[in-house]
Amino acid sequence: MDSPPLVSVIIVSYQSGPTLARCLEALRTQTFIDFEILLVDNASSDGAPQAAVAADPAIRFLQPGANLGFAAGNNLAAREARGRWLVLLNPDAYARPDWLETLIAGVARHPDVRCFTSLQMVADAPELMDGAGDVMTSAGIPFRGGYRRRLPPRLPEGEVFSACGAATLIDRDLFLSLGGFDERFFCYCEDVDLGYRLRLAGEPTLLLPGAVVEHVGSASTGVRSDFAIFHGSRNRVWTFIKNTPPLLLWLTAPLHVAVTAGLLLLHWRRGDAAPVVRGIRAAFQRQALDPILASRRELQAARRVGSWDILRAMAIDPVAFFGRRIVIRRHRSPTVKPGKAPRSVAA
């Protein structure tokens, strides 16, 4: 067998016909070429994954035979990947030619960092950002920093709370050691949950603003579909309960409830509150919540950093999402508790 590539690019496809071909074409123009592509077909009916593989037999094609969701689909491919680094790429994200080269250059500059995220621009409005890393507020509400805002003249390289799963580079061994994405999430917020677990393990995430993709966003599910709103609402609650350290949990739980109520009111005024209510209700169903609480106990017992390091990475303003603020911190090593190593805590 030939030597393994440095990078494994994972694309999970579901009804991605309008975008998948363009995504793959952008990968074919990369200046960095030491990578393989793993394409997961989540039981699409549009024939796009099959057409892509027919056009490029070098693609490693995985067909689980069912819609596993974004989380489990990526986990499946991560286990099969041969690369030292995993690149998670949405089928509606179009990489600029130097994207992979810039990510790998970031790895060389920051040998102590094992997770990197890209600058995402809006595909049909390239002067606007789709996201400069994910932000977590002190109320436990995540959002994409800079979403639909104009790109500032200078965007620094530095730490963000977590990486958006649409265009992420992560060490494969680290990803697997943490259990990958939590498959209970199915999709939405699974990347924030992983990023939070990385933080608890003392692993920072760096934004590399020179690594650019153009992103459509929710091309398969719809930005404000009931599906997206339900899963986003449910998984946001699970992320907060599962990951927030005990001191922060008790201090910020009232804020989380208040902000969640405010968001519910906004959805009510917009006419789409029903899936929010269903999502929150589903988050607290006993058969679903008990495993989340069990994961919480394991995570908090194994965490390597204190509450201050977590709070320092957040946006202190509990409603910072209203301005879609960008929060980038200067990179520095967290204060890690000795004698603890990351453990696999996911599904």
Protein backbone atom coordinates (compact mmCIF):
# COMPACT_ATOMS: atom_id res chain seq x y z
CA MET A 1 0.00 0.00 0.00
CA ASP A 2 1.25 3.50 -0.76
CA SER A 3 2.16 5.80 2.13
CA PRO A 4 -0.79 7.51 3.84
CA PRO A 5 -1.55 11.14 3.00
CA LEU A 6 -0.94 13.90 5.51
CA VAL A 7 -4.57 15.07 5.34
CA SER A 8 -7.92 13.31 5.00
CA VAL A 9 -10.71 15.59 3.74
CA ILE A 10 -14.12 14.36 4.92
CA ILE A 11 -17.32 15.44 3.19
CA VAL A 12 -20.70 14.22 4.46
CA SER A 13 -23.30 14.55 1.72
CA TYR A 14 -27.08 14.59 2.01
CA GLN A 15 -29.12 15.90 -0.91
CA SER A 16 -26.11 18.03 -1.83
CA GLY A 17 -26.56 17.89 -5.60
CA PRO A 18 -26.49 21.64 -6.25
CA THR A 19 -23.24 22.19 -4.34
CA LEU A 20 -21.22 18.97 -4.10
CA ALA A 21 -19.70 19.13 -7.58
CA ARG A 22 -18.46 22.69 -7.01
CA CYS A 23 -17.05 21.72 -3.60
CA LEU A 24 -15.05 18.87 -5.13
CA GLU A 25 -13.90 21.01 -8.05
CA ALA A 26 -12.43 23.51 -5.57
CA LEU A 27 -10.49 20.68 -3.92
CA ARG A 28 -9.04 19.67 -7.28
CA THR A 29 -7.47 23.15 -7.64
CA GLN A 30 -5.66 23.09 -4.26
CA THR A 31 -1.99 24.06 -4.23
CA PHE A 32 -1.43 21.50 -1.45
CA ILE A 33 -1.98 18.01 -2.84
CA ASP A 34 -1.04 15.52 -0.10
CA PHE A 35 -4.62 14.65 0.79
CA GLU A 36 -7.31 12.06 0.23
CA ILE A 37 -11.07 12.64 0.00
CA LEU A 38 -13.60 10.56 1.89
CA LEU A 39 -17.18 11.12 0.77
CA VAL A 40 -20.00 9.84 2.99
CA ASP A 41 -23.42 9.45 1.39
CA ASN A 42 -26.15 9.84 4.02
CA ALA A 43 -28.74 8.00 1.91
CA SER A 44 -29.18 10.81 -0.61
CA SER A 45 -31.73 10.30 -3.36
CA ASP A 46 -30.32 12.89 -5.78
CA GLY A 47 -27.49 10.72 -7.17
CA ALA A 48 -24.90 13.47 -6.61
CA PRO A 49 -22.44 11.37 -4.52
CA GLN A 50 -22.52 8.52 -7.04
CA ALA A 51 -21.94 10.94 -9.90
CA ALA A 52 -18.99 12.49 -8.03
CA VAL A 53 -17.34 9.12 -7.48
CA ALA A 54 -17.90 8.11 -11.10
CA ALA A 55 -16.14 11.32 -12.16
CA ASP A 56 -13.25 10.78 -9.72
CA PRO A 57 -12.65 7.13 -8.72
CA ALA A 58 -9.87 8.23 -6.34
CA ILE A 59 -12.55 9.42 -3.90
CA ARG A 60 -13.06 6.96 -1.05
CA PHE A 61 -16.80 6.41 -1.02
CA LEU A 62 -18.63 5.38 2.16
CA GLN A 63 -22.29 4.34 1.96
CA PRO A 64 -23.68 3.45 5.39
CA GLY A 65 -27.11 2.83 3.85
CA ALA A 66 -28.96 5.27 6.09
CA ASN A 67 -28.90 8.95 7.03
CA LEU A 68 -26.53 8.91 9.99
CA GLY A 69 -26.55 12.68 10.39
CA PHE A 70 -23.57 15.03 10.21
CA ALA A 71 -22.11 13.83 13.52
CA ALA A 72 -22.10 10.07 12.92
CA GLY A 73 -21.23 10.47 9.25
CA ASN A 74 -18.04 12.35 10.11
CA ASN A 75 -17.21 9.86 12.87
CA LEU A 76 -17.53 6.99 10.42
CA ALA A 77 -15.15 8.64 7.95
CA ALA A 78 -12.71 9.66 10.70
CA ARG A 79 -12.31 6.02 11.70
CA GLU A 80 -11.59 5.08 8.08
CA ALA A 81 -9.30 8.02 7.34
CA ARG A 82 -5.59 7.45 6.76
CA GLY A 83 -4.34 11.01 7.25
CA ARG A 84 -2.57 12.45 10.29
CA TRP A 85 -4.95 15.42 10.09
CA LEU A 86 -8.68 15.43 9.43
CA VAL A 87 -10.29 18.22 7.44
CA LEU A 88 -14.06 18.42 7.92
CA LEU A 89 -15.62 20.19 4.96
CA ASN A 90 -19.28 20.82 4.22
CA PRO A 91 -20.44 19.98 0.68
CA ASP A 92 -21.64 23.58 0.34
CA ALA A 93 -18.24 25.07 1.23
CA TYR A 94 -15.95 26.08 -1.62
CA ALA A 95 -12.26 26.27 -0.72
CA ARG A 96 -9.95 28.87 -2.23
CA PRO A 97 -6.94 27.31 -4.00
CA ASP A 98 -4.49 27.97 -1.14
CA TRP A 99 -6.89 26.86 1.63
CA LEU A 100 -5.25 23.55 2.56
CA GLU A 101 -1.76 25.01 2.11
CA THR A 102 -2.62 27.82 4.54
CA LEU A 103 -4.04 25.40 7.10
CA ILE A 104 -0.91 23.22 6.99
CA ALA A 105 1.28 26.33 7.28
CA GLY A 106 -0.68 27.17 10.44
CA VAL A 107 0.11 23.72 11.81
CA ALA A 108 3.82 24.39 11.28
CA ARG A 109 3.62 27.80 13.01
CA HIS A 110 1.67 26.44 16.00
CA PRO A 111 3.00 22.98 16.86
CA ASP A 112 1.20 23.10 20.22
CA VAL A 113 -2.24 23.49 18.60
CA ARG A 114 -4.24 20.55 17.25
CA CYS A 115 -7.44 22.21 16.03
CA PHE A 116 -7.79 25.03 13.51
CA THR A 117 -10.74 26.76 11.89
CA SER A 118 -11.12 28.72 8.67
CA LEU A 119 -12.49 32.10 7.73
CA GLN A 120 -15.84 31.52 6.03
CA MET A 121 -17.21 34.02 3.56
CA VAL A 122 -20.76 34.09 2.20
CA ALA A 123 -20.76 32.26 -1.13
CA ASP A 124 -23.20 34.57 -2.90
CA ALA A 125 -21.99 37.78 -1.19
CA PRO A 126 -18.20 37.42 -0.94
CA GLU A 127 -17.76 40.78 0.77
CA LEU A 128 -19.63 39.40 3.82
CA MET A 129 -18.36 36.93 6.39
CA ASP A 130 -20.19 33.69 7.02
CA GLY A 131 -18.16 33.18 10.18
CA ALA A 132 -14.80 33.80 11.86
CA GLY A 133 -14.91 30.98 14.37
CA ASP A 134 -17.70 30.08 16.77
CA VAL A 135 -18.34 32.22 19.85
CA MET A 136 -19.84 31.14 23.16
CA THR A 137 -21.48 33.75 25.37
CA SER A 138 -21.37 33.72 29.16
CA ALA A 139 -25.03 32.63 29.02
CA GLY A 140 -24.04 29.47 27.18
CA ILE A 141 -25.44 30.56 23.80
CA PRO A 142 -23.18 29.79 20.80
CA PHE A 143 -23.14 31.70 17.55
CA ARG A 144 -20.95 32.19 14.50
CA GLY A 145 -18.75 35.22 14.97
CA GLY A 146 -19.06 37.90 12.32
CA TYR A 147 -21.96 36.22 10.53
CA ARG A 148 -23.18 38.42 7.65
CA ARG A 149 -20.86 41.26 8.68
CA ARG A 150 -18.31 42.90 6.42
CA LEU A 151 -14.78 41.62 6.65
CA PRO A 152 -12.71 44.08 8.73
CA PRO A 153 -9.49 45.50 7.24
CA ARG A 154 -7.44 43.31 9.56
CA LEU A 155 -8.60 40.07 11.13
CA PRO A 156 -6.03 38.66 13.56
CA GLU A 157 -4.94 35.07 13.85
CA GLY A 158 -5.83 33.80 17.30
CA GLU A 159 -7.96 31.67 19.58
CA VAL A 160 -11.70 31.32 19.11
CA PHE A 161 -14.01 29.35 21.37
CA SER A 162 -14.59 26.57 18.86
CA ALA A 163 -14.38 25.69 15.18
CA CYS A 164 -17.30 25.70 12.80
CA GLY A 165 -17.63 22.17 11.45
CA ALA A 166 -18.07 23.47 7.91
CA ALA A 167 -14.29 23.92 7.46
CA THR A 168 -12.16 22.51 10.29
CA LEU A 169 -8.70 20.98 10.58
CA ILE A 170 -8.16 18.69 13.58
CA ASP A 171 -5.65 16.09 14.66
CA ARG A 172 -7.18 12.68 13.92
CA ASP A 173 -5.88 11.02 17.09
CA LEU A 174 -7.25 13.89 19.19
CA PHE A 175 -10.63 13.73 17.47
CA LEU A 176 -10.91 9.99 18.06
CA SER A 177 -9.59 10.16 21.65
CA LEU A 178 -12.43 12.53 22.53
CA GLY A 179 -14.99 10.24 20.91
CA GLY A 180 -15.48 12.45 17.85
CA PHE A 181 -18.80 14.22 17.51
CA ASP A 182 -21.60 13.30 19.91
CA GLU A 183 -23.87 11.27 17.66
CA ARG A 184 -26.93 12.01 19.81
CA PHE A 185 -26.84 15.54 18.38
CA PHE A 186 -27.35 14.22 14.82
CA CYS A 187 -26.56 17.66 13.40
CA TYR A 188 -26.30 21.29 14.60
CA CYS A 189 -24.17 22.33 17.59
CA GLU A 190 -22.20 19.07 17.43
CA ASP A 191 -19.17 21.17 16.43
CA VAL A 192 -19.66 23.54 19.38
CA ASP A 193 -19.99 20.56 21.72
CA LEU A 194 -16.74 19.11 20.37
CA GLY A 195 -15.04 22.50 20.69
CA TYR A 196 -16.22 22.80 24.29
CA ARG A 197 -14.84 19.33 25.06
CA LEU A 198 -11.53 20.36 23.48
CA ARG A 199 -11.46 23.38 25.79
CA LEU A 200 -12.18 21.21 28.83
CA ALA A 201 -9.26 19.00 27.76
CA GLY A 202 -6.94 22.03 27.56
CA GLU A 203 -6.87 22.04 23.75
CA PRO A 204 -7.24 25.48 22.08
CA THR A 205 -8.77 26.21 18.68
CA LEU A 206 -7.09 28.75 16.40
CA LEU A 207 -8.65 30.80 13.63
CA LEU A 208 -6.43 31.07 10.53
CA PRO A 209 -8.01 34.00 8.65
CA GLY A 210 -5.89 33.34 5.57
CA ALA A 211 -7.54 29.94 5.12
CA VAL A 212 -10.75 30.91 3.31
CA VAL A 213 -13.79 29.02 2.13
CA GLU A 214 -16.98 30.40 0.61
CA HIS A 215 -19.95 28.84 2.39
CA VAL A 216 -23.60 28.57 1.39
CA GLY A 217 -24.85 27.31 4.76
CA SER A 218 -27.73 24.88 5.45
CA ALA A 219 -27.99 24.10 1.75
CA SER A 220 -29.51 20.68 2.48
CA THR A 221 -31.75 21.49 5.45
CA GLY A 222 -32.69 25.16 5.08
CA VAL A 223 -31.49 27.99 7.32
CA ARG A 224 -34.78 28.43 9.17
CA SER A 225 -36.42 25.09 8.55
CA ASP A 226 -38.28 23.39 11.41
CA PHE A 227 -35.62 20.67 11.26
CA ALA A 228 -32.77 23.14 11.79
CA ILE A 229 -34.57 25.09 14.51
CA PHE A 230 -35.58 21.94 16.43
CA HIS A 231 -32.11 20.41 16.42
CA GLY A 232 -30.39 23.72 17.12
CA SER A 233 -32.67 24.44 20.10
CA ARG A 234 -32.36 20.96 21.60
CA ASN A 235 -28.62 20.64 21.06
CA ARG A 236 -27.87 24.10 22.45
CA VAL A 237 -29.42 23.05 25.77
CA TRP A 238 -27.49 19.77 25.76
CA THR A 239 -24.21 21.59 25.02
CA PHE A 240 -24.74 23.91 27.97
CA ILE A 241 -25.74 21.19 30.43
CA LYS A 242 -23.12 18.69 29.35
CA ASN A 243 -20.03 20.89 29.19
CA THR A 244 -20.32 23.89 31.51
CA PRO A 245 -18.05 23.45 34.58
CA PRO A 246 -19.93 23.27 37.90
CA LEU A 247 -19.13 26.78 39.15
CA LEU A 248 -19.98 28.37 35.80
CA LEU A 249 -23.11 26.26 35.50
CA TRP A 250 -24.58 27.55 38.73
CA LEU A 251 -23.52 31.13 38.03
CA THR A 252 -24.81 31.24 34.46
CA ALA A 253 -27.88 28.95 34.54
CA PRO A 254 -30.24 31.89 35.30
CA LEU A 255 -28.69 33.82 32.39
CA HIS A 256 -29.09 30.82 30.10
CA VAL A 257 -32.76 30.44 31.01
CA ALA A 258 -33.41 34.16 30.58
CA VAL A 259 -31.70 34.41 27.20
CA THR A 260 -33.38 31.20 25.99
CA ALA A 261 -36.75 32.71 26.96
CA GLY A 262 -35.86 35.87 25.07
CA LEU A 263 -34.92 33.89 21.98
CA LEU A 264 -38.19 31.96 22.24
CA LEU A 265 -40.05 35.27 22.25
CA LEU A 266 -38.18 36.36 19.11
CA HIS A 267 -39.14 33.10 17.41
CA TRP A 268 -42.75 33.58 18.49
CA ARG A 269 -42.80 37.03 16.90
CA ARG A 270 -41.29 35.52 13.75
CA GLY A 271 -43.87 32.74 13.69
CA ASP A 272 -41.57 29.74 14.16
CA ALA A 273 -41.65 29.15 17.92
CA ALA A 274 -43.17 25.66 17.71
CA PRO A 275 -39.95 23.80 16.76
CA VAL A 276 -38.08 25.75 19.48
CA VAL A 277 -40.53 24.52 22.11
CA ARG A 278 -40.30 20.97 20.76
CA GLY A 279 -36.52 21.13 20.83
CA ILE A 280 -36.30 22.38 24.42
CA ARG A 281 -38.89 19.82 25.50
CA ALA A 282 -36.91 17.04 23.79
CA ALA A 283 -33.71 18.16 25.53
CA PHE A 284 -35.28 17.51 28.94
CA GLN A 285 -36.96 14.19 28.18
CA ARG A 286 -35.74 11.73 30.77
CA GLN A 287 -34.52 9.05 28.35
CA ALA A 288 -32.46 11.66 26.49
CA LEU A 289 -31.29 13.79 29.42
CA ASP A 290 -30.01 10.97 31.64
CA PRO A 291 -27.25 9.96 29.16
CA ILE A 292 -26.31 13.62 28.72
CA LEU A 293 -25.95 13.96 32.50
CA ALA A 294 -23.85 10.78 32.60
CA SER A 295 -21.55 12.28 29.94
CA ARG A 296 -21.40 15.46 31.99
CA ARG A 297 -20.16 13.60 35.07
CA GLU A 298 -17.40 11.93 33.05
CA LEU A 299 -16.39 15.16 31.32
CA GLN A 300 -16.18 17.22 34.48
CA ALA A 301 -14.22 14.52 36.28
CA ALA A 302 -11.69 14.39 33.45
CA ARG A 303 -11.43 18.12 32.59
CA ARG A 304 -7.95 19.60 32.69
CA VAL A 305 -8.73 23.32 32.98
CA GLY A 306 -10.59 25.48 35.47
CA SER A 307 -13.63 27.69 35.06
CA TRP A 308 -11.51 30.79 34.53
CA ASP A 309 -9.89 29.36 31.38
CA ILE A 310 -13.34 28.53 30.01
CA LEU A 311 -14.76 31.95 30.88
CA ARG A 312 -11.74 33.69 29.35
CA ALA A 313 -12.52 32.08 26.00
CA MET A 314 -16.15 33.26 26.02
CA ALA A 315 -17.87 36.51 25.10
CA ILE A 316 -18.73 37.97 28.51
CA ASP A 317 -21.76 39.81 27.11
CA PRO A 318 -24.59 37.25 27.42
CA VAL A 319 -26.34 38.65 24.32
CA ALA A 320 -23.24 39.24 22.16
CA PHE A 321 -24.96 37.28 19.40
CA PHE A 322 -27.15 40.29 18.59
CA GLY A 323 -24.17 42.06 17.05
CA ARG A 324 -22.58 38.83 15.80
CA ARG A 325 -19.41 39.98 17.53
CA ILE A 326 -16.08 38.43 16.58
CA VAL A 327 -14.18 37.18 19.63
CA ILE A 328 -10.54 36.30 18.96
CA ARG A 329 -8.08 36.02 21.85
CA ARG A 330 -4.31 36.03 21.81
CA HIS A 331 -3.15 32.42 21.83
CA ARG A 332 -1.62 31.22 25.05
CA SER A 333 -1.45 27.85 26.73
CA PRO A 334 -4.21 27.30 29.31
CA THR A 335 -3.47 26.44 32.92
CA VAL A 336 -3.75 22.68 32.74
CA LYS A 337 -4.31 20.55 35.82
CA PRO A 338 -1.56 17.95 36.11
CA GLY A 339 -2.18 14.22 36.07
CA LYS A 340 -5.23 14.17 33.81
CA ALA A 341 -5.42 13.21 30.17
CA PRO A 342 -8.33 13.53 27.73
CA ARG A 343 -10.71 10.59 27.82
CA SER A 344 -13.21 9.41 25.26
CA VAL A 345 -16.56 10.90 26.28
CA ALA A 346 -19.13 11.22 23.53
CA ALA A 347 -22.11 9.06 22.69
